[in-house]
């Protein structure tokens, strides 16, 4: 197994825009080193022949008895109902800078 490099906590804290005390830096550095150590262990596992999957267990839709799709509106009707639209999309106020 490869040696996990030590984490530059000051660099990581600067990227995260957080201020840490010396005690917090020591604790966080140790925790991040442990996390990267686990990644080394995971990278050592032979996964050839294992099919990729999106979930660890089977995921299916759960329908109740009687659940049926409702009426579908034409896009033109929906765009007429929207306060503002552009290129077949509803325009909403910007909420993220």
PDB file of N, CA and C in Angstrom:
ATOM      1  N   UNK A   1       0.850  -1.177   0.000  1.00  0.00           N
ATOM      2  CA  UNK A   1       0.000   0.000   0.000  1.00  0.00           C
ATOM      3  C   UNK A   1       0.887   1.228   0.000  1.00  0.00           C
ATOM      4  N   UNK A   2       0.492   2.262  -0.756  1.00  0.00           N
ATOM      5  CA  UNK A   2       1.307   3.468  -0.862  1.00  0.00           C
ATOM      6  C   UNK A   2       1.156   4.327   0.374  1.00  0.00           C
ATOM      7  N   UNK A   3       2.166   5.131   0.634  1.00  0.00           N
ATOM      8  CA  UNK A   3       2.155   6.050   1.763  1.00  0.00           C
ATOM      9  C   UNK A   3       1.259   7.240   1.430  1.00  0.00           C
ATOM     10  N   UNK A   4       0.296   7.537   2.306  1.00  0.00           N
ATOM     11  CA  UNK A   4      -0.604   8.661   2.095  1.00  0.00           C
ATOM     12  C   UNK A   4       0.141   9.956   2.406  1.00  0.00           C
ATOM     13  N   UNK A   5       0.138  10.919   1.476  1.00  0.00           N
ATOM     14  CA  UNK A   5       0.829  12.179   1.735  1.00  0.00           C
ATOM     15  C   UNK A   5       0.128  12.959   2.839  1.00  0.00           C
ATOM     16  N   UNK A   6       0.906  13.730   3.593  1.00  0.00           N
ATOM     17  CA  UNK A   6       0.341  14.554   4.650  1.00  0.00           C
ATOM     18  C   UNK A   6      -0.435  15.711   4.017  1.00  0.00           C
ATOM     19  N   UNK A   7      -1.540  16.075   4.619  1.00  0.00           N
ATOM     20  CA  UNK A   7      -2.419  17.132   4.104  1.00  0.00           C
ATOM     21  C   UNK A   7      -1.935  18.489   4.598  1.00  0.00           C
ATOM     22  N   UNK A   8      -1.892  19.467   3.699  1.00  0.00           N
ATOM     23  CA  UNK A   8      -1.574  20.849   4.063  1.00  0.00           C
ATOM     24  C   UNK A   8      -2.869  21.499   4.529  1.00  0.00           C
ATOM     25  N   UNK A   9      -3.119  21.473   5.843  1.00  0.00           N
ATOM     26  CA  UNK A   9      -4.367  21.953   6.414  1.00  0.00           C
ATOM     27  C   UNK A   9      -4.570  23.443   6.153  1.00  0.00           C
ATOM     28  N   UNK A  10      -3.518  24.212   6.203  1.00  0.00           N
ATOM     29  CA  UNK A  10      -3.661  25.649   5.938  1.00  0.00           C
ATOM     30  C   UNK A  10      -4.193  25.882   4.526  1.00  0.00           C
ATOM     31  N   UNK A  11      -3.688  25.119   3.574  1.00  0.00           N
ATOM     32  CA  UNK A  11      -4.144  25.234   2.183  1.00  0.00           C
ATOM     33  C   UNK A  11      -5.609  24.839   2.055  1.00  0.00           C
ATOM     34  N   UNK A  12      -5.984  23.718   2.676  1.00  0.00           N
ATOM     35  CA  UNK A  12      -7.361  23.237   2.616  1.00  0.00           C
ATOM     36  C   UNK A  12      -8.302  24.232   3.298  1.00  0.00           C
ATOM     37  N   UNK A  13      -7.908  24.756   4.443  1.00  0.00           N
ATOM     38  CA  UNK A  13      -8.737  25.723   5.155  1.00  0.00           C
ATOM     39  C   UNK A  13      -8.915  26.988   4.320  1.00  0.00           C
ATOM     40  N   UNK A  14      -7.863  27.415   3.634  1.00  0.00           N
ATOM     41  CA  UNK A  14      -7.959  28.583   2.773  1.00  0.00           C
ATOM     42  C   UNK A  14      -8.936  28.328   1.621  1.00  0.00           C
ATOM     43  N   UNK A  15      -8.863  27.142   1.010  1.00  0.00           N
ATOM     44  CA  UNK A  15      -9.797  26.797  -0.064  1.00  0.00           C
ATOM     45  C   UNK A  15     -11.242  26.805   0.438  1.00  0.00           C
ATOM     46  N   UNK A  16     -11.443  26.319   1.664  1.00  0.00           N
ATOM     47  CA  UNK A  16     -12.788  26.250   2.241  1.00  0.00           C
ATOM     48  C   UNK A  16     -13.217  27.581   2.854  1.00  0.00           C
ATOM     49  N   UNK A  17     -12.306  28.535   2.866  1.00  0.00           N
ATOM     50  CA  UNK A  17     -12.579  29.862   3.432  1.00  0.00           C
ATOM     51  C   UNK A  17     -13.005  29.772   4.902  1.00  0.00           C
ATOM     52  N   UNK A  18     -12.271  28.932   5.666  1.00  0.00           N
ATOM     53  CA  UNK A  18     -12.550  28.814   7.097  1.00  0.00           C
ATOM     54  C   UNK A  18     -11.280  29.091   7.884  1.00  0.00           C
ATOM     55  N   UNK A  19     -11.453  29.590   9.088  1.00  0.00           N
ATOM     56  CA  UNK A  19     -10.330  29.814   9.987  1.00  0.00           C
ATOM     57  C   UNK A  19     -10.341  28.717  11.038  1.00  0.00           C
ATOM     58  N   UNK A  20      -9.175  28.128  11.294  1.00  0.00           N
ATOM     59  CA  UNK A  20      -9.067  27.036  12.246  1.00  0.00           C
ATOM     60  C   UNK A  20      -8.045  27.383  13.320  1.00  0.00           C
ATOM     61  N   UNK A  21      -8.327  26.953  14.541  1.00  0.00           N
ATOM     62  CA  UNK A  21      -7.332  27.074  15.609  1.00  0.00           C
ATOM     63  C   UNK A  21      -6.282  25.992  15.394  1.00  0.00           C
ATOM     64  N   UNK A  22      -5.156  26.100  16.101  1.00  0.00           N
ATOM     65  CA  UNK A  22      -4.113  25.074  15.988  1.00  0.00           C
ATOM     66  C   UNK A  22      -4.647  23.710  16.400  1.00  0.00           C
ATOM     67  N   UNK A  23      -5.504  23.688  17.429  1.00  0.00           N
ATOM     68  CA  UNK A  23      -6.093  22.421  17.879  1.00  0.00           C
ATOM     69  C   UNK A  23      -6.995  21.824  16.790  1.00  0.00           C
ATOM     70  N   UNK A  24      -7.809  22.668  16.148  1.00  0.00           N
ATOM     71  CA  UNK A  24      -8.685  22.199  15.070  1.00  0.00           C
ATOM     72  C   UNK A  24      -7.877  21.720  13.874  1.00  0.00           C
ATOM     73  N   UNK A  25      -6.777  22.412  13.572  1.00  0.00           N
ATOM     74  CA  UNK A  25      -5.916  21.998  12.465  1.00  0.00           C
ATOM     75  C   UNK A  25      -5.337  20.615  12.721  1.00  0.00           C
ATOM     76  N   UNK A  26      -4.881  20.373  13.945  1.00  0.00           N
ATOM     77  CA  UNK A  26      -4.300  19.071  14.277  1.00  0.00           C
ATOM     78  C   UNK A  26      -5.350  17.970  14.154  1.00  0.00           C
ATOM     79  N   UNK A  27      -6.545  18.231  14.694  1.00  0.00           N
ATOM     80  CA  UNK A  27      -7.609  17.222  14.652  1.00  0.00           C
ATOM     81  C   UNK A  27      -8.051  16.960  13.217  1.00  0.00           C
ATOM     82  N   UNK A  28      -8.300  18.028  12.451  1.00  0.00           N
ATOM     83  CA  UNK A  28      -8.751  17.882  11.080  1.00  0.00           C
ATOM     84  C   UNK A  28      -7.679  17.208  10.214  1.00  0.00           C
ATOM     85  N   UNK A  29      -6.420  17.582  10.432  1.00  0.00           N
ATOM     86  CA  UNK A  29      -5.331  16.965   9.661  1.00  0.00           C
ATOM     87  C   UNK A  29      -5.279  15.465   9.875  1.00  0.00           C
ATOM     88  N   UNK A  30      -5.418  15.059  11.124  1.00  0.00           N
ATOM     89  CA  UNK A  30      -5.407  13.627  11.444  1.00  0.00           C
ATOM     90  C   UNK A  30      -6.594  12.926  10.794  1.00  0.00           C
ATOM     91  N   UNK A  31      -7.787  13.559  10.849  1.00  0.00           N
ATOM     92  CA  UNK A  31      -8.977  12.951  10.261  1.00  0.00           C
ATOM     93  C   UNK A  31      -8.845  12.830   8.741  1.00  0.00           C
ATOM     94  N   UNK A  32      -8.329  13.869   8.096  1.00  0.00           N
ATOM     95  CA  UNK A  32      -8.160  13.812   6.639  1.00  0.00           C
ATOM     96  C   UNK A  32      -7.121  12.771   6.238  1.00  0.00           C
ATOM     97  N   UNK A  33      -6.055  12.652   7.020  1.00  0.00           N
ATOM     98  CA  UNK A  33      -5.053  11.607   6.751  1.00  0.00           C
ATOM     99  C   UNK A  33      -5.693  10.220   6.837  1.00  0.00           C
ATOM    100  N   UNK A  34      -6.560  10.022   7.847  1.00  0.00           N
ATOM    101  CA  UNK A  34      -7.254   8.734   7.994  1.00  0.00           C
ATOM    102  C   UNK A  34      -8.177   8.471   6.797  1.00  0.00           C
ATOM    103  N   UNK A  35      -8.889   9.499   6.365  1.00  0.00           N
ATOM    104  CA  UNK A  35      -9.802   9.344   5.226  1.00  0.00           C
ATOM    105  C   UNK A  35      -9.026   8.947   3.973  1.00  0.00           C
ATOM    106  N   UNK A  36      -7.915   9.630   3.715  1.00  0.00           N
ATOM    107  CA  UNK A  36      -7.118   9.286   2.539  1.00  0.00           C
ATOM    108  C   UNK A  36      -6.513   7.895   2.665  1.00  0.00           C
ATOM    109  N   UNK A  37      -6.211   7.473   3.886  1.00  0.00           N
ATOM    110  CA  UNK A  37      -5.738   6.108   4.109  1.00  0.00           C
ATOM    111  C   UNK A  37      -6.780   5.086   3.702  1.00  0.00           C
ATOM    112  N   UNK A  38      -8.048   5.371   3.994  1.00  0.00           N
ATOM    113  CA  UNK A  38      -9.124   4.477   3.576  1.00  0.00           C
ATOM    114  C   UNK A  38      -9.235   4.434   2.057  1.00  0.00           C
ATOM    115  N   UNK A  39      -9.027   5.562   1.387  1.00  0.00           N
ATOM    116  CA  UNK A  39      -9.043   5.560  -0.073  1.00  0.00           C
ATOM    117  C   UNK A  39      -7.930   4.668  -0.613  1.00  0.00           C
ATOM    118  N   UNK A  40      -6.766   4.678   0.018  1.00  0.00           N
ATOM    119  CA  UNK A  40      -5.683   3.781  -0.404  1.00  0.00           C
ATOM    120  C   UNK A  40      -6.123   2.321  -0.282  1.00  0.00           C
ATOM    121  N   UNK A  41      -6.815   1.995   0.816  1.00  0.00           N
ATOM    122  CA  UNK A  41      -7.305   0.623   0.996  1.00  0.00           C
ATOM    123  C   UNK A  41      -8.317   0.275  -0.092  1.00  0.00           C
ATOM    124  N   UNK A  42      -9.218   1.201  -0.403  1.00  0.00           N
ATOM    125  CA  UNK A  42     -10.217   0.943  -1.440  1.00  0.00           C
ATOM    126  C   UNK A  42      -9.566   0.785  -2.808  1.00  0.00           C
ATOM    127  N   UNK A  43      -8.560   1.595  -3.089  1.00  0.00           N
ATOM    128  CA  UNK A  43      -7.868   1.496  -4.374  1.00  0.00           C
ATOM    129  C   UNK A  43      -7.128   0.171  -4.527  1.00  0.00           C
ATOM    130  N   UNK A  44      -6.792  -0.479  -3.411  1.00  0.00           N
ATOM    131  CA  UNK A  44      -6.066  -1.738  -3.460  1.00  0.00           C
ATOM    132  C   UNK A  44      -6.978  -2.926  -3.788  1.00  0.00           C
ATOM    133  N   UNK A  45      -8.283  -2.742  -3.701  1.00  0.00           N
ATOM    134  CA  UNK A  45      -9.237  -3.826  -3.948  1.00  0.00           C
ATOM    135  C   UNK A  45      -9.365  -4.058  -5.453  1.00  0.00           C
ATOM    136  N   UNK A  46      -9.292  -5.331  -5.857  1.00  0.00           N
ATOM    137  CA  UNK A  46      -9.450  -5.693  -7.270  1.00  0.00           C
ATOM    138  C   UNK A  46     -10.935  -5.694  -7.613  1.00  0.00           C
ATOM    139  N   UNK A  47     -11.350  -4.766  -8.454  1.00  0.00           N
ATOM    140  CA  UNK A  47     -12.752  -4.667  -8.845  1.00  0.00           C
ATOM    141  C   UNK A  47     -12.950  -5.024 -10.315  1.00  0.00           C
ATOM    142  N   UNK A  48     -11.954  -5.620 -10.925  1.00  0.00           N
ATOM    143  CA  UNK A  48     -12.128  -6.021 -12.319  1.00  0.00           C
ATOM    144  C   UNK A  48     -13.229  -7.073 -12.375  1.00  0.00           C
ATOM    145  N   UNK A  49     -14.112  -6.928 -13.337  1.00  0.00           N
ATOM    146  CA  UNK A  49     -15.227  -7.859 -13.467  1.00  0.00           C
ATOM    147  C   UNK A  49     -16.441  -7.467 -12.648  1.00  0.00           C
ATOM    148  N   UNK A  50     -16.360  -6.376 -11.888  1.00  0.00           N
ATOM    149  CA  UNK A  50     -17.512  -5.917 -11.108  1.00  0.00           C
ATOM    150  C   UNK A  50     -18.247  -4.864 -11.928  1.00  0.00           C
ATOM    151  N   UNK A  51     -19.525  -5.090 -12.157  1.00  0.00           N
ATOM    152  CA  UNK A  51     -20.322  -4.163 -12.940  1.00  0.00           C
ATOM    153  C   UNK A  51     -20.543  -2.865 -12.162  1.00  0.00           C
ATOM    154  N   UNK A  52     -20.371  -1.726 -12.815  1.00  0.00           N
ATOM    155  CA  UNK A  52     -20.671  -0.459 -12.137  1.00  0.00           C
ATOM    156  C   UNK A  52     -22.161  -0.361 -11.830  1.00  0.00           C
ATOM    157  N   UNK A  53     -22.480   0.313 -10.727  1.00  0.00           N
ATOM    158  CA  UNK A  53     -23.880   0.499 -10.374  1.00  0.00           C
ATOM    159  C   UNK A  53     -24.071   1.879  -9.747  1.00  0.00           C
ATOM    160  N   UNK A  54     -25.293   2.376  -9.825  1.00  0.00           N
ATOM    161  CA  UNK A  54     -25.594   3.693  -9.272  1.00  0.00           C
ATOM    162  C   UNK A  54     -25.962   3.609  -7.792  1.00  0.00           C
ATOM    163  N   UNK A  55     -26.469   2.462  -7.340  1.00  0.00           N
ATOM    164  CA  UNK A  55     -26.902   2.306  -5.956  1.00  0.00           C
ATOM    165  C   UNK A  55     -26.406   0.972  -5.421  1.00  0.00           C
ATOM    166  N   UNK A  56     -26.240   0.905  -4.117  1.00  0.00           N
ATOM    167  CA  UNK A  56     -25.787  -0.335  -3.494  1.00  0.00           C
ATOM    168  C   UNK A  56     -26.867  -1.402  -3.460  1.00  0.00           C
ATOM    169  N   UNK A  57     -28.115  -0.993  -3.592  1.00  0.00           N
ATOM    170  CA  UNK A  57     -29.223  -1.952  -3.626  1.00  0.00           C
ATOM    171  C   UNK A  57     -30.177  -1.560  -4.747  1.00  0.00           C
ATOM    172  N   UNK A  58     -31.054  -2.464  -5.097  1.00  0.00           N
ATOM    173  CA  UNK A  58     -31.978  -2.216  -6.201  1.00  0.00           C
ATOM    174  C   UNK A  58     -32.915  -1.059  -5.866  1.00  0.00           C
ATOM    175  N   UNK A  59     -33.089  -0.162  -6.820  1.00  0.00           N
ATOM    176  CA  UNK A  59     -33.985   0.976  -6.636  1.00  0.00           C
ATOM    177  C   UNK A  59     -35.081   0.887  -7.683  1.00  0.00           C
ATOM    178  N   UNK A  60     -36.312   0.912  -7.223  1.00  0.00           N
ATOM    179  CA  UNK A  60     -37.445   0.854  -8.146  1.00  0.00           C
ATOM    180  C   UNK A  60     -38.474   1.890  -7.730  1.00  0.00           C
ATOM    181  N   UNK A  61     -39.296   2.311  -8.680  1.00  0.00           N
ATOM    182  CA  UNK A  61     -40.398   3.209  -8.354  1.00  0.00           C
ATOM    183  C   UNK A  61     -41.459   2.426  -7.601  1.00  0.00           C
ATOM    184  N   UNK A  62     -42.098   3.084  -6.659  1.00  0.00           N
ATOM    185  CA  UNK A  62     -43.174   2.460  -5.912  1.00  0.00           C
ATOM    186  C   UNK A  62     -44.464   3.144  -6.327  1.00  0.00           C
ATOM    187  N   UNK A  63     -45.314   2.390  -6.960  1.00  0.00           N
ATOM    188  CA  UNK A  63     -46.589   2.929  -7.423  1.00  0.00           C
ATOM    189  C   UNK A  63     -47.695   2.387  -6.551  1.00  0.00           C
ATOM    190  N   UNK A  64     -48.629   3.249  -6.227  1.00  0.00           N
ATOM    191  CA  UNK A  64     -49.824   2.815  -5.511  1.00  0.00           C
ATOM    192  C   UNK A  64     -50.833   2.294  -6.518  1.00  0.00           C
ATOM    193  N   UNK A  65     -51.727   1.465  -6.041  1.00  0.00           N
ATOM    194  CA  UNK A  65     -52.765   0.976  -6.928  1.00  0.00           C
ATOM    195  C   UNK A  65     -53.591   2.175  -7.399  1.00  0.00           C
ATOM    196  N   UNK A  66     -53.821   2.255  -8.674  1.00  0.00           N
ATOM    197  CA  UNK A  66     -54.593   3.360  -9.221  1.00  0.00           C
ATOM    198  C   UNK A  66     -53.749   4.546  -9.667  1.00  0.00           C
ATOM    199  N   UNK A  67     -52.448   4.546  -9.379  1.00  0.00           N
ATOM    200  CA  UNK A  67     -51.598   5.639  -9.850  1.00  0.00           C
ATOM    201  C   UNK A  67     -51.502   5.589 -11.365  1.00  0.00           C
ATOM    202  N   UNK A  68     -51.912   6.654 -11.995  1.00  0.00           N
ATOM    203  CA  UNK A  68     -51.861   6.756 -13.447  1.00  0.00           C
ATOM    204  C   UNK A  68     -51.400   8.158 -13.806  1.00  0.00           C
ATOM    205  N   UNK A  69     -50.712   8.305 -14.936  1.00  0.00           N
ATOM    206  CA  UNK A  69     -50.334   9.651 -15.367  1.00  0.00           C
ATOM    207  C   UNK A  69     -51.569  10.499 -15.621  1.00  0.00           C
ATOM    208  N   UNK A  70     -51.445  11.782 -15.303  1.00  0.00           N
ATOM    209  CA  UNK A  70     -52.559  12.700 -15.522  1.00  0.00           C
ATOM    210  C   UNK A  70     -52.482  13.320 -16.900  1.00  0.00           C
ATOM    211  N   UNK A  71     -53.315  14.310 -17.117  1.00  0.00           N
ATOM    212  CA  UNK A  71     -53.314  14.963 -18.433  1.00  0.00           C
ATOM    213  C   UNK A  71     -51.996  15.683 -18.683  1.00  0.00           C
ATOM    214  N   UNK A  72     -51.598  15.721 -19.940  1.00  0.00           N
ATOM    215  CA  UNK A  72     -50.355  16.377 -20.332  1.00  0.00           C
ATOM    216  C   UNK A  72     -50.711  17.590 -21.174  1.00  0.00           C
ATOM    217  N   UNK A  73     -50.141  18.733 -20.803  1.00  0.00           N
ATOM    218  CA  UNK A  73     -50.411  19.964 -21.539  1.00  0.00           C
ATOM    219  C   UNK A  73     -49.390  20.149 -22.653  1.00  0.00           C
ATOM    220  N   UNK A  74     -49.798  20.777 -23.712  1.00  0.00           N
ATOM    221  CA  UNK A  74     -48.862  21.142 -24.775  1.00  0.00           C
ATOM    222  C   UNK A  74     -47.910  22.205 -24.241  1.00  0.00           C
ATOM    223  N   UNK A  75     -46.650  22.180 -24.672  1.00  0.00           N
ATOM    224  CA  UNK A  75     -45.702  23.202 -24.212  1.00  0.00           C
ATOM    225  C   UNK A  75     -46.181  24.625 -24.482  1.00  0.00           C
ATOM    226  N   UNK A  76     -46.896  24.841 -25.598  1.00  0.00           N
ATOM    227  CA  UNK A  76     -47.387  26.184 -25.906  1.00  0.00           C
ATOM    228  C   UNK A  76     -48.365  26.673 -24.843  1.00  0.00           C
ATOM    229  N   UNK A  77     -49.233  25.786 -24.362  1.00  0.00           N
ATOM    230  CA  UNK A  77     -50.202  26.148 -23.325  1.00  0.00           C
ATOM    231  C   UNK A  77     -49.464  26.501 -22.033  1.00  0.00           C
ATOM    232  N   UNK A  78     -48.461  25.704 -21.676  1.00  0.00           N
ATOM    233  CA  UNK A  78     -47.707  25.966 -20.446  1.00  0.00           C
ATOM    234  C   UNK A  78     -46.943  27.286 -20.543  1.00  0.00           C
ATOM    235  N   UNK A  79     -46.381  27.586 -21.706  1.00  0.00           N
ATOM    236  CA  UNK A  79     -45.645  28.841 -21.867  1.00  0.00           C
ATOM    237  C   UNK A  79     -46.581  30.042 -21.778  1.00  0.00           C
ATOM    238  N   UNK A  80     -47.840  29.881 -22.214  1.00  0.00           N
ATOM    239  CA  UNK A  80     -48.823  30.951 -22.086  1.00  0.00           C
ATOM    240  C   UNK A  80     -49.192  31.186 -20.626  1.00  0.00           C
ATOM    241  N   UNK A  81     -49.125  30.128 -19.814  1.00  0.00           N
ATOM    242  CA  UNK A  81     -49.461  30.238 -18.389  1.00  0.00           C
ATOM    243  C   UNK A  81     -48.312  30.851 -17.586  1.00  0.00           C
ATOM    244  N   UNK A  82     -47.084  30.766 -18.089  1.00  0.00           N
ATOM    245  CA  UNK A  82     -45.914  31.271 -17.358  1.00  0.00           C
ATOM    246  C   UNK A  82     -45.879  32.796 -17.427  1.00  0.00           C
ATOM    247  N   UNK A  83     -45.470  33.461 -16.340  1.00  0.00           N
ATOM    248  CA  UNK A  83     -45.366  34.915 -16.371  1.00  0.00           C
ATOM    249  C   UNK A  83     -44.364  35.399 -17.404  1.00  0.00           C
ATOM    250  N   UNK A  84     -43.268  34.616 -17.586  1.00  0.00           N
ATOM    251  CA  UNK A  84     -42.256  34.962 -18.584  1.00  0.00           C
ATOM    252  C   UNK A  84     -41.623  33.669 -19.083  1.00  0.00           C
ATOM    253  N   UNK A  85     -41.372  33.600 -20.391  1.00  0.00           N
ATOM    254  CA  UNK A  85     -40.737  32.402 -20.948  1.00  0.00           C
ATOM    255  C   UNK A  85     -39.761  32.810 -22.040  1.00  0.00           C
ATOM    256  N   UNK A  86     -38.820  31.905 -22.301  1.00  0.00           N
ATOM    257  CA  UNK A  86     -37.819  32.132 -23.340  1.00  0.00           C
ATOM    258  C   UNK A  86     -37.356  30.762 -23.828  1.00  0.00           C
ATOM    259  N   UNK A  87     -37.341  30.555 -25.127  1.00  0.00           N
ATOM    260  CA  UNK A  87     -36.882  29.312 -25.748  1.00  0.00           C
ATOM    261  C   UNK A  87     -37.552  28.080 -25.130  1.00  0.00           C
ATOM    262  N   UNK A  88     -38.862  28.161 -24.989  1.00  0.00           N
ATOM    263  CA  UNK A  88     -39.655  27.044 -24.474  1.00  0.00           C
ATOM    264  C   UNK A  88     -39.314  26.688 -23.024  1.00  0.00           C
ATOM    265  N   UNK A  89     -38.815  27.672 -22.252  1.00  0.00           N
ATOM    266  CA  UNK A  89     -38.501  27.467 -20.840  1.00  0.00           C
ATOM    267  C   UNK A  89     -39.109  28.595 -20.030  1.00  0.00           C
ATOM    268  N   UNK A  90     -39.504  28.283 -18.798  1.00  0.00           N
ATOM    269  CA  UNK A  90     -40.054  29.296 -17.904  1.00  0.00           C
ATOM    270  C   UNK A  90     -38.898  30.079 -17.308  1.00  0.00           C
ATOM    271  N   UNK A  91     -38.983  31.401 -17.344  1.00  0.00           N
ATOM    272  CA  UNK A  91     -37.951  32.268 -16.774  1.00  0.00           C
ATOM    273  C   UNK A  91     -38.336  32.571 -15.331  1.00  0.00           C
ATOM    274  N   UNK A  92     -37.402  32.342 -14.420  1.00  0.00           N
ATOM    275  CA  UNK A  92     -37.626  32.613 -12.992  1.00  0.00           C
ATOM    276  C   UNK A  92     -36.580  33.601 -12.508  1.00  0.00           C
ATOM    277  N   UNK A  93     -36.840  34.276 -11.386  1.00  0.00           N
ATOM    278  CA  UNK A  93     -35.850  35.209 -10.865  1.00  0.00           C
ATOM    279  C   UNK A  93     -34.552  34.498 -10.473  1.00  0.00           C
ATOM    280  N   UNK A  94     -33.428  35.157 -10.669  1.00  0.00           N
ATOM    281  CA  UNK A  94     -32.129  34.619 -10.317  1.00  0.00           C
ATOM    282  C   UNK A  94     -32.028  34.581  -8.796  1.00  0.00           C
ATOM    283  N   UNK A  95     -31.644  33.428  -8.242  1.00  0.00           N
ATOM    284  CA  UNK A  95     -31.537  33.301  -6.789  1.00  0.00           C
ATOM    285  C   UNK A  95     -30.119  33.008  -6.336  1.00  0.00           C
ATOM    286  N   UNK A  96     -29.213  32.721  -7.258  1.00  0.00           N
ATOM    287  CA  UNK A  96     -27.832  32.413  -6.913  1.00  0.00           C
ATOM    288  C   UNK A  96     -26.930  33.346  -7.673  1.00  0.00           C
ATOM    289  N   UNK A  97     -25.978  33.928  -6.966  1.00  0.00           N
ATOM    290  CA  UNK A  97     -25.017  34.830  -7.612  1.00  0.00           C
ATOM    291  C   UNK A  97     -23.893  34.018  -8.215  1.00  0.00           C
TER     292      UNK A  97
END
